[in-house]
Amino acid sequence: MFAESFNRRFFKLAIPNILANISVPLVGLVDTAMLGHLPQIHFLAGVALASVIFDYIFWTFGFLRMSTTGLTAQAVGRKDTHEIFAIAYRGFAIALFVGLLLILFRALISSAGFAFLSAETSVKNSGQQYFAARIFGAPVVLCNYVFTGWFLGRERSDLVLYMTLLGNIANIFLNYYFLFILHMAAAGVGWATTISNYLAFILAVLLFVHDKKIVRLQWKAVFAKGKLLPLFTLNRDIFIRTLLLISSFGIFTNLSSILGTTILAVNTIILRILSFAAYLIDGIAFATESLAGIFKGESDQKTMRILLKTAVIWGEVFALAFIALMAVVPDYFYPLMTSHKEIIVLLKKYDFWVYIALVFSALAYIFDGYFLGITEAKILRNSMIICFVLFFLPLAFLSMQQKSNHILWLAMVVFMFGRAVTLGWGVVIFKSGM
């Protein structure tokens, strides 16, 4: 009876997360397909290049979602209603402040970002046009992180699904309008993304207000030093972990561009496939994150162990199912992504790497969710430092010496393997100390 009710609760959270998460890379795939069918491939390559900058400036602040989920879930477990809402307002304050700073210093960020990225002039020009449009969505992007984390922490993944679907469906239609009706190319994709982020934000505000119980907040307690210092410590560790994770993908993309525009386009499409699978498995990881935090708040260690075992099994099931699916559809799928035949040929040459990476990355995503839920960010930070420095960088730079895209993909696979092993060891150490 317990197992049945636990699985029902787990998948009640996981299924909306999976549906919401799938929509994100689907939009990315649609964006890629639309850009891939334009006459010049430099538009696709330029957006991929600029996306590296946005990965840095947005996902380095991904702690706004991650810490919010774990802290909110633990407050739910303790039944601390005041703290549940205080966590949200702390997150909003940080998100708005940082978002406005990003807009204020957008010219400096663009100049510095593209100065460090290597690409042909036409590719950089397209990337700069995309950046100039998308940067104006910065405040709402960061606020949406807080909304997502807060809804997940309260086991309301259905609300995350609603705001995600609205933003992503709008993005698809706006992309088509700006690309094929107004012929705005890379800038059009940027504006479509910005507008869709604002639409998702508006819906999130409405859901927050509608879902909000009447709580008298003591504002001095909300922003008290005793509450802010632990939050900044937690966010610091998540920030370091996320910065290095994004750096690995940023270096990967930049090295891809050094190997040529065609290789950059090929690796961009393959990364979209990996991203799709990652978001699918993250639906399981997000459910793990929410429930791990709640069970920690309830001091229910036995159920925490059952949760982790369940999540690991289903994470690998989803990974293997995705691998099996992709093994039979490339002849139908790749022509949808691009009309350039030379890219399709290279996709078939390199795509096997993503299947190997998935076996290990699925474990890493589940362990990430578990440690984020119980707010043990030091384990995540230390694991990422080891994997980035010892597993990824040596092979990544070897790939440049050898001018080999296969070695570059090997670097990514070994990086994922290292994350799975080090985080798995972290679970063993943490359990022994419980």
Foldseek 3Di string as FASTA:
>chain_A
DVVVVVVVLLVLQLVLLLLLLLLVLVLVLLLLLLCQAPPDVLLSLLQLLLVLLVLQLQQLLLCLQLLLQQQLLLCVLLVPQQVLVLSLVVQLVVLQVSLVVCVVCVVVSLVVSVVPFDADPSNNVSNSLLSVQQSNLRSLSSNLSNLNNSCLLVSNSVLSSVLSVQLSVQLSVQLCCCCPVVVVRSNSNSNSNSVSSVSSSVSSVVVCVVVDDDDDHDVCVSPPPVVVVVSVVLSVLSSLLSNLVSVLVSLLLRLLNVLHSLSSSLVSSLVSLLSSLLSSLLSSLSSLLNVLSSCVSNVPVVVNVVSLVVSLVVLQVSLVVSLVVVVPCLVPPVCSSHVDVVSSVVNVVPNVLSSLLSNLLSLLSNLSSNCSNNSVSNLSNVLSVCLSVPQQVVQSVVCSVVSHPNSNSNSSSSSSNSSNVSSVVVVVVVVVVD
